[in-house]
Amino acid sequence: MTIRIYVRASTRDQNAERALSDLISFSKNYGDQYSAYIENYSGTKLERPVLSQLLNEASKGDILLVESVDRLSRLSQDDFAILKDKIKAKGLRLIVADLPTTYSSNDGMTGEILNVINSMLIDLLATMAKLDNDRRKERIKQGLARSGYVPTGKKANTAKHDRIMQLLTVGNMTKEEIAKAVDVGIATVYRVAKNMNQT
């Protein structure tokens, strides 16, 4: 059995490394053999390269260990159902470090009841993570509207603007580096930064 530790951050910050260290220590409760998977990718995407690699490499009886449900998913209910099916099909046991009910694996009636409770809690937490992400995006849109931002007629690539805002928030890249990473002009990065400052 291998403990497969999945750590996700939306941007390249230090939180992923901190979480990994904590989860490695936590994994000792279940065994000494672990593999770590670190991904800098949005939790709103079902298809993530590192998560796909984890699922491909996993074997029946392995443990999928995550820090919290929102590190695994900010997906829509339909996409989260697909991800849960993939996890189940691989025979993985999901343990969420900040959800103690997922720690024990009781057999019999108690185990069945606990599995139902865990499934409901994980679904609820995944839904809350998605709603939190949606609310954040809505606040950004409202802030842009209040700032008097007027579209130029050219439809903005909101996915790229979201990524620019994430990278600007982290603050460890120059505007030129962000422009190259997101594949936009430097003027777009400055415009997004100006809108963020106004809001």
C-alpha atoms as a PDB file:
ATOM      1  CA  MET A   1       0.000   0.000   0.000  1.00  0.00           C
ATOM      2  CA  THR A   2       1.249   3.467  -0.935  1.00  0.00           C
ATOM      3  CA  ILE A   3       0.071   6.738   0.580  1.00  0.00           C
ATOM      4  CA  ARG A   4      -0.339   9.088  -2.367  1.00  0.00           C
ATOM      5  CA  ILE A   5      -0.102  12.655  -1.088  1.00  0.00           C
ATOM      6  CA  TYR A   6      -1.762  15.218  -3.352  1.00  0.00           C
ATOM      7  CA  VAL A   7      -0.920  18.880  -2.783  1.00  0.00           C
ATOM      8  CA  ARG A   8      -2.447  21.553  -4.993  1.00  0.00           C
ATOM      9  CA  ALA A   9      -1.960  25.295  -5.117  1.00  0.00           C
ATOM     10  CA  SER A  10      -3.462  27.602  -7.725  1.00  0.00           C
ATOM     11  CA  THR A  11      -0.223  29.552  -8.029  1.00  0.00           C
ATOM     12  CA  ARG A  12       3.446  28.907  -7.405  1.00  0.00           C
ATOM     13  CA  ASP A  13       3.651  29.933  -3.750  1.00  0.00           C
ATOM     14  CA  GLN A  14       5.195  28.429  -0.613  1.00  0.00           C
ATOM     15  CA  ASN A  15       1.959  26.987   0.788  1.00  0.00           C
ATOM     16  CA  ALA A  16       2.296  23.814  -1.247  1.00  0.00           C
ATOM     17  CA  GLU A  17       5.646  22.988   0.324  1.00  0.00           C
ATOM     18  CA  ARG A  18       4.332  23.707   3.837  1.00  0.00           C
ATOM     19  CA  ALA A  19       1.324  21.473   3.277  1.00  0.00           C
ATOM     20  CA  LEU A  20       3.526  18.711   1.853  1.00  0.00           C
ATOM     21  CA  SER A  21       5.748  18.652   4.929  1.00  0.00           C
ATOM     22  CA  ASP A  22       2.728  18.439   7.238  1.00  0.00           C
ATOM     23  CA  LEU A  23       1.115  15.689   5.166  1.00  0.00           C
ATOM     24  CA  ILE A  24       4.296  13.606   5.056  1.00  0.00           C
ATOM     25  CA  SER A  25       4.363  13.699   8.864  1.00  0.00           C
ATOM     26  CA  PHE A  26       0.654  12.859   8.964  1.00  0.00           C
ATOM     27  CA  SER A  27       1.110   9.937   6.549  1.00  0.00           C
ATOM     28  CA  LYS A  28       3.356   8.120   9.060  1.00  0.00           C
ATOM     29  CA  ASN A  29       0.140   7.082  10.842  1.00  0.00           C
ATOM     30  CA  TYR A  30      -0.638   4.820   7.867  1.00  0.00           C
ATOM     31  CA  GLY A  31       2.751   3.544   6.771  1.00  0.00           C
ATOM     32  CA  ASP A  32       6.213   4.501   5.599  1.00  0.00           C
ATOM     33  CA  GLN A  33       5.758   4.243   1.839  1.00  0.00           C
ATOM     34  CA  TYR A  34       4.464   7.439   0.253  1.00  0.00           C
ATOM     35  CA  SER A  35       4.576   9.276  -3.054  1.00  0.00           C
ATOM     36  CA  ALA A  36       4.120  13.042  -3.249  1.00  0.00           C
ATOM     37  CA  TYR A  37       2.295  14.821  -6.072  1.00  0.00           C
ATOM     38  CA  ILE A  38       2.528  18.623  -6.178  1.00  0.00           C
ATOM     39  CA  GLU A  39       0.402  20.558  -8.638  1.00  0.00           C
ATOM     40  CA  ASN A  40       0.068  24.245  -9.421  1.00  0.00           C
ATOM     41  CA  TYR A  41      -3.278  24.183 -11.175  1.00  0.00           C
ATOM     42  CA  SER A  42      -6.804  25.425 -10.659  1.00  0.00           C
ATOM     43  CA  GLY A  43      -9.072  23.190  -8.597  1.00  0.00           C
ATOM     44  CA  THR A  44     -11.934  24.156 -10.913  1.00  0.00           C
ATOM     45  CA  LYS A  45     -10.445  21.962 -13.668  1.00  0.00           C
ATOM     46  CA  LEU A  46     -11.290  18.266 -13.742  1.00  0.00           C
ATOM     47  CA  GLU A  47      -8.370  17.358 -16.005  1.00  0.00           C
ATOM     48  CA  ARG A  48      -5.155  18.170 -14.129  1.00  0.00           C
ATOM     49  CA  PRO A  49      -1.852  16.652 -15.266  1.00  0.00           C
ATOM     50  CA  VAL A  50      -0.460  15.703 -11.845  1.00  0.00           C
ATOM     51  CA  LEU A  51      -3.783  14.453 -10.475  1.00  0.00           C
ATOM     52  CA  SER A  52      -4.174  12.319 -13.615  1.00  0.00           C
ATOM     53  CA  GLN A  53      -0.670  10.944 -13.061  1.00  0.00           C
ATOM     54  CA  LEU A  54      -1.561  10.063  -9.459  1.00  0.00           C
ATOM     55  CA  LEU A  55      -4.694   8.221 -10.550  1.00  0.00           C
ATOM     56  CA  ASN A  56      -2.802   6.360 -13.293  1.00  0.00           C
ATOM     57  CA  GLU A  57      -0.082   5.226 -10.877  1.00  0.00           C
ATOM     58  CA  ALA A  58      -2.431   4.302  -8.013  1.00  0.00           C
ATOM     59  CA  SER A  59      -3.278   0.730  -7.100  1.00  0.00           C
ATOM     60  CA  LYS A  60      -6.237  -0.750  -5.269  1.00  0.00           C
ATOM     61  CA  GLY A  61      -5.878  -0.255  -1.513  1.00  0.00           C
ATOM     62  CA  ASP A  62      -3.655   2.831  -1.795  1.00  0.00           C
ATOM     63  CA  ILE A  63      -4.515   5.946   0.213  1.00  0.00           C
ATOM     64  CA  LEU A  64      -5.166   9.326  -1.401  1.00  0.00           C
ATOM     65  CA  LEU A  65      -4.178  11.888   1.237  1.00  0.00           C
ATOM     66  CA  VAL A  66      -5.107  15.563   0.882  1.00  0.00           C
ATOM     67  CA  GLU A  67      -4.918  18.484   3.286  1.00  0.00           C
ATOM     68  CA  SER A  68      -8.525  19.582   2.756  1.00  0.00           C
ATOM     69  CA  VAL A  69     -11.355  18.948   0.315  1.00  0.00           C
ATOM     70  CA  ASP A  70     -10.817  22.281  -1.477  1.00  0.00           C
ATOM     71  CA  ARG A  71      -7.254  21.209  -2.349  1.00  0.00           C
ATOM     72  CA  LEU A  72      -8.773  18.266  -4.209  1.00  0.00           C
ATOM     73  CA  SER A  73     -11.781  20.011  -5.719  1.00  0.00           C
ATOM     74  CA  ARG A  74     -13.425  23.310  -6.518  1.00  0.00           C
ATOM     75  CA  LEU A  75     -15.333  21.500  -9.236  1.00  0.00           C
ATOM     76  CA  SER A  76     -18.990  21.649 -10.202  1.00  0.00           C
ATOM     77  CA  GLN A  77     -21.123  18.879  -8.712  1.00  0.00           C
ATOM     78  CA  ASP A  78     -21.152  16.971 -12.007  1.00  0.00           C
ATOM     79  CA  ASP A  79     -17.363  17.136 -12.417  1.00  0.00           C
ATOM     80  CA  PHE A  80     -16.790  16.231  -8.760  1.00  0.00           C
ATOM     81  CA  ALA A  81     -19.014  13.177  -9.241  1.00  0.00           C
ATOM     82  CA  ILE A  82     -16.756  12.142 -12.148  1.00  0.00           C
ATOM     83  CA  LEU A  83     -13.634  12.613 -10.023  1.00  0.00           C
ATOM     84  CA  LYS A  84     -15.131  10.580  -7.160  1.00  0.00           C
ATOM     85  CA  ASP A  85     -15.962   7.797  -9.616  1.00  0.00           C
ATOM     86  CA  LYS A  86     -12.348   7.784 -10.843  1.00  0.00           C
ATOM     87  CA  ILE A  87     -11.058   7.579  -7.266  1.00  0.00           C
ATOM     88  CA  LYS A  88     -13.488   4.781  -6.453  1.00  0.00           C
ATOM     89  CA  ALA A  89     -12.658   2.879  -9.655  1.00  0.00           C
ATOM     90  CA  LYS A  90      -8.965   2.863  -8.680  1.00  0.00           C
ATOM     91  CA  GLY A  91      -9.859   1.466  -5.243  1.00  0.00           C
ATOM     92  CA  LEU A  92      -8.332   4.432  -3.425  1.00  0.00           C
ATOM     93  CA  ARG A  93      -9.228   5.320   0.142  1.00  0.00           C
ATOM     94  CA  LEU A  94      -9.588   9.097   0.530  1.00  0.00           C
ATOM     95  CA  ILE A  95      -8.236  10.603   3.742  1.00  0.00           C
ATOM     96  CA  VAL A  96      -8.672  14.343   4.332  1.00  0.00           C
ATOM     97  CA  ALA A  97      -6.278  15.646   6.993  1.00  0.00           C
ATOM     98  CA  ASP A  98      -8.683  18.297   8.299  1.00  0.00           C
ATOM     99  CA  LEU A  99     -11.663  15.884   8.348  1.00  0.00           C
ATOM    100  CA  PRO A 100     -11.067  13.407  11.220  1.00  0.00           C
ATOM    101  CA  THR A 101     -14.024  11.187  10.312  1.00  0.00           C
ATOM    102  CA  THR A 102     -12.015  10.003   7.279  1.00  0.00           C
ATOM    103  CA  TYR A 103      -9.159   8.667   9.429  1.00  0.00           C
ATOM    104  CA  SER A 104     -10.599   5.346  10.610  1.00  0.00           C
ATOM    105  CA  SER A 105     -11.594   2.405   8.441  1.00  0.00           C
ATOM    106  CA  ASN A 106     -14.050   0.460  10.606  1.00  0.00           C
ATOM    107  CA  ASP A 107     -15.652  -2.671   9.235  1.00  0.00           C
ATOM    108  CA  GLY A 108     -19.250  -3.762   9.659  1.00  0.00           C
ATOM    109  CA  MET A 109     -22.229  -1.531  10.303  1.00  0.00           C
ATOM    110  CA  THR A 110     -20.206   1.229  11.971  1.00  0.00           C
ATOM    111  CA  GLY A 111     -17.884   1.405   8.978  1.00  0.00           C
ATOM    112  CA  GLU A 112     -20.780   1.591   6.531  1.00  0.00           C
ATOM    113  CA  ILE A 113     -22.447   4.400   8.489  1.00  0.00           C
ATOM    114  CA  LEU A 114     -19.135   6.281   8.700  1.00  0.00           C
ATOM    115  CA  ASN A 115     -18.605   5.886   4.945  1.00  0.00           C
ATOM    116  CA  VAL A 116     -22.030   7.423   4.257  1.00  0.00           C
ATOM    117  CA  ILE A 117     -21.314  10.301   6.644  1.00  0.00           C
ATOM    118  CA  ASN A 118     -17.898  10.900   5.088  1.00  0.00           C
ATOM    119  CA  SER A 119     -19.353  10.895   1.587  1.00  0.00           C
ATOM    120  CA  MET A 120     -21.952  13.480   2.590  1.00  0.00           C
ATOM    121  CA  LEU A 121     -19.385  15.671   4.369  1.00  0.00           C
ATOM    122  CA  ILE A 122     -16.956  15.543   1.452  1.00  0.00           C
ATOM    123  CA  ASP A 123     -19.736  16.419  -1.015  1.00  0.00           C
ATOM    124  CA  LEU A 124     -20.803  19.332   1.203  1.00  0.00           C
ATOM    125  CA  LEU A 125     -17.248  20.650   1.573  1.00  0.00           C
ATOM    126  CA  ALA A 126     -16.625  20.335  -2.182  1.00  0.00           C
ATOM    127  CA  THR A 127     -19.817  22.292  -2.898  1.00  0.00           C
ATOM    128  CA  MET A 128     -18.787  24.984  -0.408  1.00  0.00           C
ATOM    129  CA  ALA A 129     -15.345  25.245  -2.043  1.00  0.00           C
ATOM    130  CA  LYS A 130     -16.988  25.728  -5.462  1.00  0.00           C
ATOM    131  CA  LEU A 131     -19.391  28.370  -4.091  1.00  0.00           C
ATOM    132  CA  ASP A 132     -16.529  30.204  -2.395  1.00  0.00           C
ATOM    133  CA  ASN A 133     -14.647  30.316  -5.697  1.00  0.00           C
ATOM    134  CA  ASP A 134     -17.752  31.565  -7.539  1.00  0.00           C
ATOM    135  CA  ARG A 135     -18.319  34.312  -4.938  1.00  0.00           C
ATOM    136  CA  ARG A 136     -14.711  35.479  -5.272  1.00  0.00           C
ATOM    137  CA  LYS A 137     -15.062  35.774  -9.045  1.00  0.00           C
ATOM    138  CA  GLU A 138     -18.347  37.663  -8.646  1.00  0.00           C
ATOM    139  CA  ARG A 139     -16.734  40.157  -6.234  1.00  0.00           C
ATOM    140  CA  ILE A 140     -13.976  40.799  -8.778  1.00  0.00           C
ATOM    141  CA  LYS A 141     -16.551  41.439 -11.517  1.00  0.00           C
ATOM    142  CA  GLN A 142     -18.499  43.794  -9.243  1.00  0.00           C
ATOM    143  CA  GLY A 143     -15.303  45.644  -8.360  1.00  0.00           C
ATOM    144  CA  LEU A 144     -14.471  46.101 -12.031  1.00  0.00           C
ATOM    145  CA  ALA A 145     -17.986  47.379 -12.721  1.00  0.00           C
ATOM    146  CA  ARG A 146     -17.802  49.879  -9.825  1.00  0.00           C
ATOM    147  CA  SER A 147     -14.416  51.120 -11.039  1.00  0.00           C
ATOM    148  CA  GLY A 148     -16.020  52.256 -14.266  1.00  0.00           C
ATOM    149  CA  TYR A 149     -14.189  49.735 -16.388  1.00  0.00           C
ATOM    150  CA  VAL A 150     -15.615  49.882 -19.885  1.00  0.00           C
ATOM    151  CA  PRO A 151     -14.926  47.014 -22.282  1.00  0.00           C
ATOM    152  CA  THR A 152     -13.216  48.026 -25.518  1.00  0.00           C
ATOM    153  CA  GLY A 153     -15.475  45.816 -27.583  1.00  0.00           C
ATOM    154  CA  LYS A 154     -12.888  43.079 -27.685  1.00  0.00           C
ATOM    155  CA  LYS A 155     -13.992  40.207 -25.518  1.00  0.00           C
ATOM    156  CA  ALA A 156     -11.593  39.756 -22.616  1.00  0.00           C
ATOM    157  CA  ASN A 157     -10.136  36.355 -21.983  1.00  0.00           C
ATOM    158  CA  THR A 158     -11.432  35.992 -18.424  1.00  0.00           C
ATOM    159  CA  ALA A 159      -9.419  32.837 -17.784  1.00  0.00           C
ATOM    160  CA  LYS A 160      -6.198  34.670 -18.611  1.00  0.00           C
ATOM    161  CA  HIS A 161      -7.283  37.709 -16.566  1.00  0.00           C
ATOM    162  CA  ASP A 162      -8.000  35.430 -13.593  1.00  0.00           C
ATOM    163  CA  ARG A 163      -4.552  33.872 -13.943  1.00  0.00           C
ATOM    164  CA  ILE A 164      -2.916  37.303 -14.150  1.00  0.00           C
ATOM    165  CA  MET A 165      -4.739  38.380 -10.970  1.00  0.00           C
ATOM    166  CA  GLN A 166      -3.576  35.228  -9.188  1.00  0.00           C
ATOM    167  CA  LEU A 167       0.044  35.804 -10.174  1.00  0.00           C
ATOM    168  CA  LEU A 168      -0.123  39.497  -9.258  1.00  0.00           C
ATOM    169  CA  THR A 169      -1.563  38.588  -5.858  1.00  0.00           C
ATOM    170  CA  VAL A 170       1.281  36.169  -5.138  1.00  0.00           C
ATOM    171  CA  GLY A 171       3.734  38.928  -6.073  1.00  0.00           C
ATOM    172  CA  ASN A 172       6.819  36.840  -6.807  1.00  0.00           C
ATOM    173  CA  MET A 173       6.944  37.556 -10.558  1.00  0.00           C
ATOM    174  CA  THR A 174       7.534  40.741 -12.544  1.00  0.00           C
ATOM    175  CA  LYS A 175       4.802  41.992 -14.838  1.00  0.00           C
ATOM    176  CA  GLU A 176       6.965  41.007 -17.809  1.00  0.00           C
ATOM    177  CA  GLU A 177       7.312  37.458 -16.480  1.00  0.00           C
ATOM    178  CA  ILE A 178       3.557  37.251 -15.903  1.00  0.00           C
ATOM    179  CA  ALA A 179       2.858  38.428 -19.452  1.00  0.00           C
ATOM    180  CA  LYS A 180       5.133  35.722 -20.826  1.00  0.00           C
ATOM    181  CA  ALA A 181       3.715  33.015 -18.536  1.00  0.00           C
ATOM    182  CA  VAL A 182       0.089  33.804 -19.420  1.00  0.00           C
ATOM    183  CA  ASP A 183       0.869  34.551 -23.089  1.00  0.00           C
ATOM    184  CA  VAL A 184      -0.528  38.091 -23.170  1.00  0.00           C
ATOM    185  CA  GLY A 185       0.864  41.513 -23.943  1.00  0.00           C
ATOM    186  CA  ILE A 186       2.472  43.500 -21.135  1.00  0.00           C
ATOM    187  CA  ALA A 187      -0.253  46.145 -21.509  1.00  0.00           C
ATOM    188  CA  THR A 188      -2.871  43.564 -20.527  1.00  0.00           C
ATOM    189  CA  VAL A 189      -1.001  42.793 -17.303  1.00  0.00           C
ATOM    190  CA  TYR A 190      -0.756  46.507 -16.445  1.00  0.00           C
ATOM    191  CA  ARG A 191      -4.478  46.974 -17.210  1.00  0.00           C
ATOM    192  CA  VAL A 192      -5.489  44.070 -14.969  1.00  0.00           C
ATOM    193  CA  ALA A 193      -3.161  45.367 -12.219  1.00  0.00           C
ATOM    194  CA  LYS A 194      -4.700  48.849 -12.479  1.00  0.00           C
ATOM    195  CA  ASN A 195      -8.218  47.415 -12.224  1.00  0.00           C
ATOM    196  CA  MET A 196      -7.200  45.365  -9.174  1.00  0.00           C
ATOM    197  CA  ASN A 197      -5.753  48.464  -7.470  1.00  0.00           C
ATOM    198  CA  GLN A 198      -8.940  50.447  -8.145  1.00  0.00           C
ATOM    199  CA  THR A 199     -11.079  47.758  -6.568  1.00  0.00           C
END
